Amino acid sequence: MALAIFQLYSLFITAQTPIANRINVAARHLPKDAIVIAKYTDNERHCLFYCNANRIYCLDVILNINEQLSFAQKNNEQILATYLTPDRRLMLFSTDWGNNKSDVLEERFQLWSIDSYNRQFKKIAKGFTIDKTREGFTIRRRSRCINPKAPKAHHRWMVQDLQFDLNGRLVKTGQEYEFIRKK
């Protein structure tokens, strides 16, 4: 009797909607290095979003289409981290587009969002650093050169901190301050 109740209970726990079951099976069969970003089991989206080899894919389990989502014409970006917004509508990505890694002030880091309903990309901001905080994101960017006539190696820059909430909305633009290069 106890075994029958346990089997019935375990059947209840694992029984999900057919879409959820398909998404779970698809997630188990992803390439070994793939990272699941989000699973949407509702009737509107029915998709599994994942990242593999610095590319973002959307696997539609109803139409059986695995689509690579491209947010740039160039393919030199590196996806550093992925985040879901609290309402799970948007997926946020921090990327590194840098070529000149020796230039500390190169604005090579970008924050992007993808709408899970229409799969549209939007660049939120770019800067020379992106930091994830408990409240959201801080992006530091150059605002202006103090001495533009000086040789490039001697340029002095004013920078600004942009603060974004967990939904990728700009909350605060900080005051300009001079960036001091560490020797």
Protein backbone atom coordinates (compact mmCIF):
# COMPACT_ATOMS: atom_id res chain seq x y z
CA MET A 1 0.00 0.00 0.00
CA ALA A 2 2.77 2.45 0.95
CA LEU A 3 4.62 1.58 -2.27
CA ALA A 4 1.52 2.33 -4.36
CA ILE A 5 1.09 5.71 -2.65
CA PHE A 6 4.78 6.53 -3.20
CA GLN A 7 4.54 5.60 -6.90
CA LEU A 8 1.41 7.71 -7.29
CA TYR A 9 3.14 10.63 -5.51
CA SER A 10 6.27 10.37 -7.69
CA LEU A 11 4.09 10.21 -10.82
CA PHE A 12 2.36 13.40 -9.67
CA ILE A 13 5.70 15.18 -9.09
CA THR A 14 7.15 14.31 -12.52
CA ALA A 15 3.95 14.75 -14.51
CA GLN A 16 4.10 18.08 -16.32
CA THR A 17 2.61 19.59 -19.42
CA PRO A 18 3.66 18.05 -22.73
CA ILE A 19 5.55 21.25 -23.60
CA ALA A 20 7.48 21.15 -20.32
CA ASN A 21 8.32 17.48 -20.89
CA ARG A 22 9.64 18.25 -24.39
CA ILE A 23 11.73 21.14 -23.10
CA ASN A 24 13.23 18.99 -20.33
CA VAL A 25 14.11 16.24 -22.81
CA ALA A 26 15.64 18.80 -25.18
CA ALA A 27 17.70 20.28 -22.32
CA ARG A 28 19.08 16.85 -21.45
CA HIS A 29 20.20 16.34 -25.07
CA LEU A 30 22.05 19.63 -25.51
CA PRO A 31 25.79 19.55 -26.25
CA LYS A 32 27.94 19.01 -23.17
CA ASP A 33 29.27 22.60 -23.12
CA ALA A 34 25.86 24.25 -23.63
CA ILE A 35 24.41 26.41 -20.87
CA VAL A 36 20.65 26.66 -20.45
CA ILE A 37 19.57 30.29 -20.16
CA ALA A 38 15.80 29.95 -19.87
CA LYS A 39 12.99 27.43 -20.30
CA TYR A 40 9.59 28.76 -21.34
CA THR A 41 6.77 26.23 -21.12
CA ASP A 42 3.82 28.50 -21.85
CA ASN A 43 1.80 28.19 -25.06
CA GLU A 44 3.12 31.46 -26.47
CA ARG A 45 6.85 30.81 -26.29
CA HIS A 46 7.38 27.02 -25.83
CA CYS A 47 11.15 27.48 -26.20
CA LEU A 48 14.45 26.59 -24.67
CA PHE A 49 17.10 29.32 -24.88
CA TYR A 50 20.69 28.20 -24.48
CA CYS A 51 24.23 29.36 -25.13
CA ASN A 52 26.83 27.19 -26.87
CA ALA A 53 30.23 28.26 -28.20
CA ASN A 54 29.47 31.98 -27.72
CA ARG A 55 26.25 31.70 -29.72
CA ILE A 56 22.68 31.98 -28.47
CA TYR A 57 20.10 29.48 -29.67
CA CYS A 58 16.35 29.20 -29.35
CA LEU A 59 14.94 25.69 -29.61
CA ASP A 60 11.21 25.75 -30.35
CA VAL A 61 9.89 22.40 -29.13
CA ILE A 62 6.53 22.65 -30.94
CA LEU A 63 7.92 23.50 -34.39
CA ASN A 64 11.14 21.50 -33.84
CA ILE A 65 13.26 24.44 -34.98
CA ASN A 66 16.65 25.19 -33.48
CA GLU A 67 17.44 28.78 -34.45
CA GLN A 68 20.72 30.59 -33.87
CA LEU A 69 19.95 34.12 -32.72
CA SER A 70 22.39 36.70 -33.97
CA PHE A 71 22.72 40.12 -32.40
CA ALA A 72 25.60 41.44 -34.47
CA GLN A 73 27.06 41.33 -37.93
CA LYS A 74 30.51 40.55 -36.57
CA ASN A 75 31.21 37.24 -34.90
CA ASN A 76 34.01 38.35 -32.59
CA GLU A 77 31.96 38.74 -29.44
CA GLN A 78 32.42 36.61 -26.38
CA ILE A 79 29.43 36.08 -24.11
CA LEU A 80 30.63 36.58 -20.55
CA ALA A 81 27.44 36.03 -18.55
CA THR A 82 23.68 35.66 -18.95
CA TYR A 83 20.92 36.84 -16.63
CA LEU A 84 17.13 36.59 -16.51
CA THR A 85 15.10 39.62 -15.49
CA PRO A 86 12.83 39.11 -12.45
CA ASP A 87 9.72 38.94 -14.66
CA ARG A 88 11.52 36.42 -16.97
CA ARG A 89 10.50 38.39 -20.07
CA LEU A 90 14.02 39.57 -20.93
CA MET A 91 17.34 37.77 -20.99
CA LEU A 92 20.38 40.00 -20.43
CA PHE A 93 23.87 39.24 -21.75
CA SER A 94 27.19 40.85 -21.00
CA THR A 95 29.60 40.52 -23.91
CA ASP A 96 33.22 41.31 -24.68
CA TRP A 97 33.86 42.71 -28.17
CA GLY A 98 37.42 43.78 -27.53
CA ASN A 99 40.27 43.51 -29.95
CA ASN A 100 42.79 45.68 -28.14
CA LYS A 101 42.94 44.11 -24.70
CA SER A 102 45.90 46.30 -23.68
CA ASP A 103 43.82 49.51 -23.84
CA VAL A 104 42.08 49.68 -20.46
CA LEU A 105 39.61 52.31 -21.64
CA GLU A 106 38.48 50.53 -24.79
CA GLU A 107 34.68 50.34 -24.56
CA ARG A 108 34.61 46.67 -25.41
CA PHE A 109 31.99 45.41 -22.94
CA GLN A 110 28.33 45.58 -23.88
CA LEU A 111 25.05 44.75 -22.15
CA TRP A 112 22.35 43.32 -24.45
CA SER A 113 18.79 42.16 -23.94
CA ILE A 114 16.60 39.68 -25.81
CA ASP A 115 12.83 39.79 -25.55
CA SER A 116 11.64 36.21 -25.05
CA TYR A 117 8.36 36.85 -26.89
CA ASN A 118 9.63 38.33 -30.17
CA ARG A 119 13.34 37.35 -29.94
CA GLN A 120 14.44 40.91 -30.68
CA PHE A 121 17.85 42.08 -29.51
CA LYS A 122 18.55 45.49 -28.02
CA LYS A 123 21.92 46.93 -27.04
CA ILE A 124 21.45 48.55 -23.64
CA ALA A 125 24.88 50.14 -23.13
CA LYS A 126 28.60 49.73 -23.63
CA GLY A 127 31.61 50.66 -21.57
CA PHE A 128 35.06 49.61 -20.48
CA THR A 129 33.75 47.67 -17.46
CA ILE A 130 30.49 45.94 -16.56
CA ASP A 131 29.87 44.90 -12.97
CA LYS A 132 26.89 42.90 -11.73
CA THR A 133 25.57 44.20 -8.42
CA ARG A 134 22.74 43.07 -6.19
CA GLU A 135 20.59 45.93 -7.50
CA GLY A 136 21.52 45.49 -11.18
CA PHE A 137 24.50 46.48 -13.30
CA THR A 138 27.10 49.24 -13.28
CA ILE A 139 28.71 50.14 -16.58
CA ARG A 140 31.66 52.51 -16.63
CA ARG A 141 32.19 54.43 -19.86
CA ARG A 142 34.38 57.23 -21.19
CA SER A 143 32.59 60.55 -21.43
CA ARG A 144 35.23 62.95 -22.79
CA CYS A 145 38.93 63.51 -23.26
CA ILE A 146 40.41 66.26 -21.08
CA ASN A 147 43.44 66.89 -23.31
CA PRO A 148 42.55 65.84 -26.88
CA LYS A 149 45.58 67.60 -28.42
CA ALA A 150 48.06 65.54 -26.42
CA PRO A 151 49.54 62.35 -27.92
CA LYS A 152 47.17 59.40 -27.61
CA ALA A 153 49.35 57.68 -25.01
CA HIS A 154 49.01 60.76 -22.75
CA HIS A 155 45.27 61.33 -23.08
CA ARG A 156 43.41 61.91 -19.84
CA TRP A 157 39.77 60.85 -19.68
CA MET A 158 36.66 61.72 -17.75
CA VAL A 159 34.44 58.71 -17.11
CA GLN A 160 30.90 58.10 -15.89
CA ASP A 161 29.15 55.25 -14.13
CA LEU A 162 25.77 54.20 -15.51
CA GLN A 163 23.59 52.19 -13.15
CA PHE A 164 20.91 49.86 -14.48
CA ASP A 165 18.30 47.88 -12.57
CA LEU A 166 17.79 44.12 -12.93
CA ASN A 167 15.44 44.75 -15.89
CA GLY A 168 18.12 46.60 -17.85
CA ARG A 169 16.58 50.06 -17.36
CA LEU A 170 18.84 53.04 -16.68
CA VAL A 171 18.38 54.12 -13.09
CA LYS A 172 21.15 56.64 -12.53
CA THR A 173 23.89 58.38 -14.46
CA GLY A 174 26.77 59.21 -12.16
CA GLN A 175 28.86 62.37 -12.10
CA GLU A 176 31.92 62.58 -14.32
CA TYR A 177 35.27 61.94 -12.67
CA GLU A 178 38.80 61.63 -13.97
CA PHE A 179 40.03 58.12 -14.65
CA ILE A 180 43.48 57.53 -13.20
CA ARG A 181 45.48 54.91 -15.08
CA LYS A 182 47.34 52.48 -12.87
CA LYS A 183 50.99 52.18 -13.76
